């Protein structure tokens, strides 16, 4: 490369940097009145359970927690067209939200580690994601719409044959993690914590799940917890947040519920990391307060609308009392 080529290359790089900066680093270069960013608004954390090819409701199972693969793919298209973009659970918790200006962040969570959520198949001696799974469908969708994101938190019970399919449990977990997904704690055996009366049992269920995770994926520490069925009463909840089992310590920085509401963002005064509400995914039949219900009934003005800049929190002046200033950290607060 001669000097002239090097100089031209430097100019090109500078223009790219400027382009990146104008889109993500300077909120004043977006039309605030047009975009109307509101980073104090609600965020929907969606709770998924079962995915199947087809389903026939019965007297005992009406399919409230079940989606067909086709319905899931259709849902992704609906969400994309409505301006939703996926973020990781960790980024939600850390208030490190990076989606394009005007878009709405959303978090996908999956409980129980069912094979319909994710499983591996073997092709020519190699393990691959089954395209007939939620993860497989999401990855294919993200190839067509890469700005949508392919992220999600999977709350698992490692006392079960999690993500049943080809490969060992360790291989399945590592594969999912390597794809950029997150793993959270859901107890070892899906015990009903609301019926537990002993701190020892709680610590065994949660601590053993972390202990087994370390054995399967060395060094992987789960930081979030999904309550199976319900929460324990009184002071026992402290043992859900943190504890120890057979020398293994655990700490759940976030605890999610089955709750049917969108969540305040982590920057909000209303946010409680120990009691995070979720929105139930659509089931076989429409239900009040499921995701499609909220898509119809939650106005855009009530939701988190991104300014396109993860380093700034931009809100209407009228919303300033919702912001917990102690959580701002190094982020700049912008009002308009």
Protein backbone atom coordinates (compact mmCIF):
# COMPACT_ATOMS: atom_id res chain seq x y z
CA UNK A 1 0.00 0.00 0.00
CA UNK A 2 1.45 3.39 -0.97
CA UNK A 3 1.04 6.56 1.06
CA UNK A 4 -1.85 7.79 -1.05
CA UNK A 5 -3.75 4.49 -0.59
CA UNK A 6 -3.16 4.62 3.14
CA UNK A 7 -4.47 8.18 3.38
CA UNK A 8 -7.58 7.33 1.38
CA UNK A 9 -8.16 4.30 3.57
CA UNK A 10 -7.89 6.47 6.65
CA UNK A 11 -10.43 8.91 5.22
CA UNK A 12 -12.83 6.07 4.48
CA UNK A 13 -12.47 4.74 8.01
CA UNK A 14 -13.11 8.20 9.41
CA UNK A 15 -16.33 8.51 7.42
CA UNK A 16 -17.48 5.11 8.71
CA UNK A 17 -16.73 6.20 12.25
CA UNK A 18 -18.68 9.41 11.68
CA UNK A 19 -21.61 7.42 10.33
CA UNK A 20 -21.61 5.16 13.37
CA UNK A 21 -21.34 8.15 15.66
CA UNK A 22 -24.24 10.03 14.11
CA UNK A 23 -26.54 7.02 14.43
CA UNK A 24 -25.69 5.84 17.93
CA UNK A 25 -23.58 8.41 19.75
CA UNK A 26 -25.42 11.71 19.39
CA UNK A 27 -29.06 11.85 20.37
CA UNK A 28 -29.26 15.42 19.10
CA UNK A 29 -28.88 14.19 15.53
CA UNK A 30 -32.21 12.38 15.63
CA UNK A 31 -35.52 14.20 15.33
CA UNK A 32 -36.74 14.04 18.92
CA UNK A 33 -40.26 15.13 18.05
CA UNK A 34 -40.49 12.49 15.36
CA UNK A 35 -38.85 9.61 17.24
CA UNK A 36 -40.21 10.63 20.66
CA UNK A 37 -37.74 8.51 22.66
CA UNK A 38 -38.93 7.47 26.10
CA UNK A 39 -36.36 5.39 27.93
CA UNK A 40 -38.42 5.35 31.10
CA UNK A 41 -41.15 3.31 29.41
CA UNK A 42 -42.21 -0.30 29.95
CA UNK A 43 -40.36 -3.27 28.48
CA UNK A 44 -42.05 -6.59 27.77
CA UNK A 45 -40.16 -9.61 29.05
CA UNK A 46 -41.88 -12.50 27.33
CA UNK A 47 -42.25 -15.90 29.00
CA UNK A 48 -42.27 -18.96 26.71
CA UNK A 49 -42.68 -22.61 27.67
CA UNK A 50 -43.62 -25.27 25.11
CA UNK A 51 -43.24 -25.39 21.33
CA UNK A 52 -44.75 -28.13 19.19
CA UNK A 53 -45.55 -28.92 15.56
CA UNK A 54 -49.27 -29.23 16.30
CA UNK A 55 -51.51 -29.32 19.36
CA UNK A 56 -54.99 -30.52 20.21
CA UNK A 57 -56.42 -29.03 23.42
CA UNK A 58 -57.76 -31.44 26.02
CA UNK A 59 -59.78 -31.13 29.20
CA UNK A 60 -56.56 -31.09 31.23
CA UNK A 61 -54.33 -29.08 28.91
CA UNK A 62 -55.84 -26.25 26.93
CA UNK A 63 -52.47 -25.18 25.58
CA UNK A 64 -52.17 -21.97 27.56
CA UNK A 65 -48.39 -22.35 27.68
CA UNK A 66 -47.92 -23.95 24.26
CA UNK A 67 -47.13 -22.44 20.86
CA UNK A 68 -46.83 -24.15 17.51
CA UNK A 69 -43.66 -23.55 15.53
CA UNK A 70 -45.72 -21.84 12.83
CA UNK A 71 -47.34 -19.50 15.35
CA UNK A 72 -43.92 -18.60 16.77
CA UNK A 73 -42.56 -17.72 13.34
CA UNK A 74 -45.64 -15.61 12.64
CA UNK A 75 -45.14 -13.85 15.98
CA UNK A 76 -41.56 -12.93 15.06
CA UNK A 77 -42.80 -11.22 11.90
CA UNK A 78 -45.45 -9.31 13.86
CA UNK A 79 -42.91 -8.13 16.44
CA UNK A 80 -40.41 -7.07 13.80
CA UNK A 81 -42.99 -5.07 11.85
CA UNK A 82 -44.10 -3.34 15.05
CA UNK A 83 -40.54 -2.19 15.73
CA UNK A 84 -39.51 -4.59 18.50
CA UNK A 85 -35.88 -5.66 18.74
CA UNK A 86 -34.43 -8.31 21.05
CA UNK A 87 -31.93 -7.54 23.79
CA UNK A 88 -30.27 -9.91 26.24
CA UNK A 89 -31.56 -10.28 29.78
CA UNK A 90 -28.18 -9.09 31.07
CA UNK A 91 -28.37 -5.91 29.01
CA UNK A 92 -31.90 -5.32 30.29
CA UNK A 93 -30.72 -5.74 33.88
CA UNK A 94 -27.63 -3.56 33.38
CA UNK A 95 -29.60 -0.89 31.52
CA UNK A 96 -27.25 -1.39 28.59
CA UNK A 97 -29.92 -1.19 25.90
CA UNK A 98 -28.68 -0.80 22.34
CA UNK A 99 -31.38 -0.90 19.67
CA UNK A 100 -31.91 1.55 16.80
CA UNK A 101 -33.60 4.87 17.49
CA UNK A 102 -37.37 4.56 17.54
CA UNK A 103 -37.32 0.82 18.18
CA UNK A 104 -38.67 -0.95 21.26
CA UNK A 105 -36.50 -3.43 23.19
CA UNK A 106 -37.95 -6.80 24.15
CA UNK A 107 -36.58 -9.73 26.15
CA UNK A 108 -37.34 -13.39 25.41
CA UNK A 109 -37.24 -15.85 28.31
CA UNK A 110 -37.85 -19.60 28.14
CA UNK A 111 -38.70 -21.79 31.14
CA UNK A 112 -38.05 -25.51 31.75
CA UNK A 113 -35.54 -26.34 28.99
CA UNK A 114 -37.98 -28.20 26.74
CA UNK A 115 -36.82 -29.73 23.47
CA UNK A 116 -39.23 -27.56 21.49
CA UNK A 117 -37.31 -24.53 22.70
CA UNK A 118 -33.96 -25.91 21.61
CA UNK A 119 -32.50 -29.25 20.65
CA UNK A 120 -29.65 -30.59 18.59
CA UNK A 121 -29.72 -32.99 15.67
CA UNK A 122 -26.83 -34.81 14.04
CA UNK A 123 -25.95 -34.24 10.39
CA UNK A 124 -22.90 -35.85 8.82
CA UNK A 125 -21.45 -36.47 12.25
CA UNK A 126 -21.90 -32.86 13.39
CA UNK A 127 -24.28 -31.45 15.97
CA UNK A 128 -26.55 -28.75 14.61
CA UNK A 129 -29.54 -26.77 15.85
CA UNK A 130 -32.83 -28.37 14.92
CA UNK A 131 -34.62 -25.87 12.69
CA UNK A 132 -37.86 -27.23 14.13
CA UNK A 133 -37.23 -25.54 17.46
CA UNK A 134 -37.73 -22.01 18.76
CA UNK A 135 -34.00 -21.31 18.60
CA UNK A 136 -33.77 -22.77 15.10
CA UNK A 137 -36.66 -20.62 13.91
CA UNK A 138 -35.24 -17.51 15.60
CA UNK A 139 -31.81 -18.03 14.03
CA UNK A 140 -33.31 -18.45 10.55
CA UNK A 141 -35.45 -15.36 11.05
CA UNK A 142 -32.40 -13.39 12.18
CA UNK A 143 -30.58 -14.31 8.98
CA UNK A 144 -33.28 -12.46 7.04
CA UNK A 145 -33.64 -9.65 9.57
CA UNK A 146 -30.28 -9.35 11.37
CA UNK A 147 -31.30 -6.19 13.21
CA UNK A 148 -34.04 -8.10 15.06
CA UNK A 149 -31.51 -9.94 17.21
CA UNK A 150 -31.13 -13.56 18.29
CA UNK A 151 -31.07 -13.41 22.06
CA UNK A 152 -32.87 -15.03 24.97
CA UNK A 153 -32.61 -16.33 28.52
CA UNK A 154 -33.28 -20.02 29.20
CA UNK A 155 -34.23 -20.94 32.76
CA UNK A 156 -33.41 -24.62 33.23
CA UNK A 157 -33.82 -27.47 35.72
CA UNK A 158 -30.65 -29.55 35.43
CA UNK A 159 -32.21 -32.48 37.26
CA UNK A 160 -34.08 -33.22 34.03
CA UNK A 161 -32.94 -34.23 30.54
CA UNK A 162 -32.81 -30.61 29.50
CA UNK A 163 -33.18 -29.81 25.77
CA UNK A 164 -33.74 -33.48 24.99
CA UNK A 165 -32.11 -34.44 21.69
CA UNK A 166 -28.71 -35.35 20.29
CA UNK A 167 -25.52 -34.58 22.18
CA UNK A 168 -24.86 -34.66 25.89
CA UNK A 169 -26.46 -32.13 28.23
CA UNK A 170 -23.08 -30.41 28.49
CA UNK A 171 -22.81 -30.18 24.70
CA UNK A 172 -26.33 -28.77 24.44
CA UNK A 173 -25.71 -26.10 27.05
CA UNK A 174 -22.35 -25.09 25.59
CA UNK A 175 -23.84 -24.92 22.10
CA UNK A 176 -26.62 -22.62 23.29
CA UNK A 177 -24.21 -20.40 25.22
CA UNK A 178 -21.82 -20.21 22.26
CA UNK A 179 -24.72 -18.94 20.15
CA UNK A 180 -24.98 -15.99 22.54
CA UNK A 181 -27.96 -17.13 24.58
CA UNK A 182 -28.10 -17.03 28.39
CA UNK A 183 -28.81 -19.73 30.96
CA UNK A 184 -30.64 -19.01 34.21
CA UNK A 185 -31.57 -20.98 37.33
CA UNK A 186 -35.02 -22.58 37.68
CA UNK A 187 -34.19 -24.99 40.58
CA UNK A 188 -32.80 -28.49 40.15
CA UNK A 189 -36.12 -30.35 40.03
CA UNK A 190 -38.76 -27.64 39.38
CA UNK A 191 -39.89 -27.72 42.99
CA UNK A 192 -42.84 -25.60 44.10
CA UNK A 193 -41.07 -23.03 46.26
CA UNK A 194 -44.34 -21.63 47.58
CA UNK A 195 -44.80 -24.91 49.46
CA UNK A 196 -41.25 -25.12 50.82
CA UNK A 197 -40.85 -24.38 54.54
CA UNK A 198 -37.12 -25.01 54.89
CA UNK A 199 -34.15 -22.84 53.94
CA UNK A 200 -32.07 -26.00 53.49
CA UNK A 201 -34.38 -27.29 50.77
CA UNK A 202 -34.32 -23.99 48.91
CA UNK A 203 -30.53 -23.82 49.02
CA UNK A 204 -30.24 -27.43 47.90
CA UNK A 205 -32.58 -26.89 44.93
CA UNK A 206 -30.99 -23.67 43.72
CA UNK A 207 -27.42 -24.39 44.81
CA UNK A 208 -27.37 -27.89 43.35
CA UNK A 209 -28.59 -26.52 40.02
CA UNK A 210 -25.61 -24.13 40.00
CA UNK A 211 -23.28 -26.91 41.17
CA UNK A 212 -24.32 -29.13 38.26
CA UNK A 213 -23.97 -26.20 35.86
CA UNK A 214 -20.35 -25.74 36.96
CA UNK A 215 -19.77 -29.45 36.32
CA UNK A 216 -21.31 -29.25 32.84
CA UNK A 217 -20.01 -25.83 31.80
CA UNK A 218 -17.04 -24.93 34.03
CA UNK A 219 -17.08 -21.32 35.19
CA UNK A 220 -20.60 -20.53 34.01
CA UNK A 221 -22.37 -18.67 36.81
CA UNK A 222 -26.12 -18.20 36.52
CA UNK A 223 -27.16 -14.72 37.66
CA UNK A 224 -30.94 -14.81 37.22
CA UNK A 225 -33.71 -17.01 38.61
CA UNK A 226 -37.22 -17.90 37.49
CA UNK A 227 -39.67 -18.85 40.23
CA UNK A 228 -41.31 -22.22 39.52
CA UNK A 229 -45.00 -21.94 40.45
CA UNK A 230 -44.49 -19.23 43.05
CA UNK A 231 -42.31 -17.64 45.70
CA UNK A 232 -41.66 -18.91 49.23
CA UNK A 233 -43.11 -16.94 52.08
CA UNK A 234 -41.49 -14.57 54.54
CA UNK A 235 -37.77 -14.62 55.18
CA UNK A 236 -37.21 -17.71 53.03
CA UNK A 237 -37.14 -15.45 49.97
CA UNK A 238 -33.68 -14.30 51.08
CA UNK A 239 -32.42 -17.82 50.40
CA UNK A 240 -33.72 -17.59 46.84
CA UNK A 241 -31.60 -14.49 46.31
CA UNK A 242 -28.39 -16.00 47.64
CA UNK A 243 -27.10 -19.04 49.46
CA UNK A 244 -24.72 -21.98 49.44
CA UNK A 245 -24.92 -25.72 48.85
CA UNK A 246 -22.03 -28.16 49.29
CA UNK A 247 -19.50 -25.37 49.06
CA UNK A 248 -21.05 -23.80 45.96
CA UNK A 249 -22.35 -20.26 46.39
CA UNK A 250 -25.10 -18.76 44.27
CA UNK A 251 -26.48 -15.25 43.91
CA UNK A 252 -29.52 -14.33 41.85
CA UNK A 253 -29.24 -10.69 40.84
CA UNK A 254 -32.67 -10.87 39.22
CA UNK A 255 -35.78 -12.92 39.97
CA UNK A 256 -38.56 -13.20 37.40
CA UNK A 257 -42.15 -14.13 38.04
CA UNK A 258 -45.02 -15.50 35.98
CA UNK A 259 -46.64 -12.07 36.39
CA UNK A 260 -48.63 -10.74 33.48
CA UNK A 261 -47.36 -7.15 33.22
CA UNK A 262 -44.67 -5.37 31.22
CA UNK A 263 -41.71 -4.39 33.39
CA UNK A 264 -40.32 -0.97 34.21
CA UNK A 265 -36.76 -0.58 32.88
CA UNK A 266 -33.90 -1.09 35.31
CA UNK A 267 -33.27 2.66 35.37
CA UNK A 268 -36.73 3.27 36.83
CA UNK A 269 -37.53 3.98 40.48
CA UNK A 270 -40.33 1.42 40.09
CA UNK A 271 -37.98 -1.40 39.12
CA UNK A 272 -37.49 -4.23 41.61
CA UNK A 273 -34.88 -6.78 40.52
CA UNK A 274 -36.26 -9.30 43.03
CA UNK A 275 -39.73 -9.23 41.50
CA UNK A 276 -39.65 -8.78 37.73
CA UNK A 277 -42.93 -9.27 35.92
CA UNK A 278 -43.20 -11.05 32.61
CA UNK A 279 -45.76 -11.20 29.83
CA UNK A 280 -47.05 -14.63 28.92
CA UNK A 281 -46.47 -15.75 25.35
CA UNK A 282 -49.53 -16.46 23.20
CA UNK A 283 -50.98 -19.93 23.73
CA UNK A 284 -53.12 -22.06 21.48
CA UNK A 285 -56.09 -19.79 22.21
CA UNK A 286 -56.06 -16.04 22.90
CA UNK A 287 -55.97 -15.10 26.58
CA UNK A 288 -56.38 -11.82 28.40
CA UNK A 289 -52.96 -10.37 29.29
CA UNK A 290 -51.00 -12.60 26.89
CA UNK A 291 -48.50 -11.01 24.51
CA UNK A 292 -50.98 -10.39 21.69
CA UNK A 293 -53.33 -8.74 24.20
CA UNK A 294 -50.57 -6.39 25.28
CA UNK A 295 -49.61 -5.63 21.69
CA UNK A 296 -53.17 -4.37 21.21
CA UNK A 297 -53.59 -2.62 24.55
CA UNK A 298 -50.18 -1.16 25.44
CA UNK A 299 -49.72 2.15 23.68
CA UNK A 300 -46.43 3.14 22.10
CA UNK A 301 -46.24 6.09 24.47
CA UNK A 302 -46.22 3.76 27.48
CA UNK A 303 -43.29 1.73 26.17
CA UNK A 304 -39.52 2.14 26.15
CA UNK A 305 -38.68 3.92 22.89
CA UNK A 306 -34.95 3.92 22.20
CA UNK A 307 -32.91 6.99 21.32
CA UNK A 308 -30.41 4.74 19.57
CA UNK A 309 -27.65 5.51 22.05
CA UNK A 310 -26.79 3.04 24.81
CA UNK A 311 -24.74 5.70 26.62
CA UNK A 312 -27.62 8.13 27.07
CA UNK A 313 -31.03 7.97 28.71
CA UNK A 314 -33.45 10.16 26.80
CA UNK A 315 -36.89 10.91 28.20
CA UNK A 316 -39.63 13.52 27.98
CA UNK A 317 -39.24 16.13 30.73
CA UNK A 318 -42.51 15.00 32.29
CA UNK A 319 -41.00 11.55 32.97
CA UNK A 320 -37.95 12.69 34.92
CA UNK A 321 -39.37 11.68 38.30
CA UNK A 322 -39.44 8.05 37.13
CA UNK A 323 -35.66 7.90 36.79
CA UNK A 324 -33.51 6.61 39.65
CA UNK A 325 -30.55 8.97 39.40
CA UNK A 326 -28.33 6.62 41.42
CA UNK A 327 -28.60 4.04 38.64
CA UNK A 328 -27.43 6.38 35.88
CA UNK A 329 -23.77 5.56 36.40
CA UNK A 330 -21.75 6.98 33.51
CA UNK A 331 -24.80 7.46 31.30
CA UNK A 332 -25.97 10.93 30.40
CA UNK A 333 -29.59 11.90 31.08
CA UNK A 334 -31.19 13.89 28.25
CA UNK A 335 -34.65 15.45 28.53
CA UNK A 336 -36.72 17.21 25.90
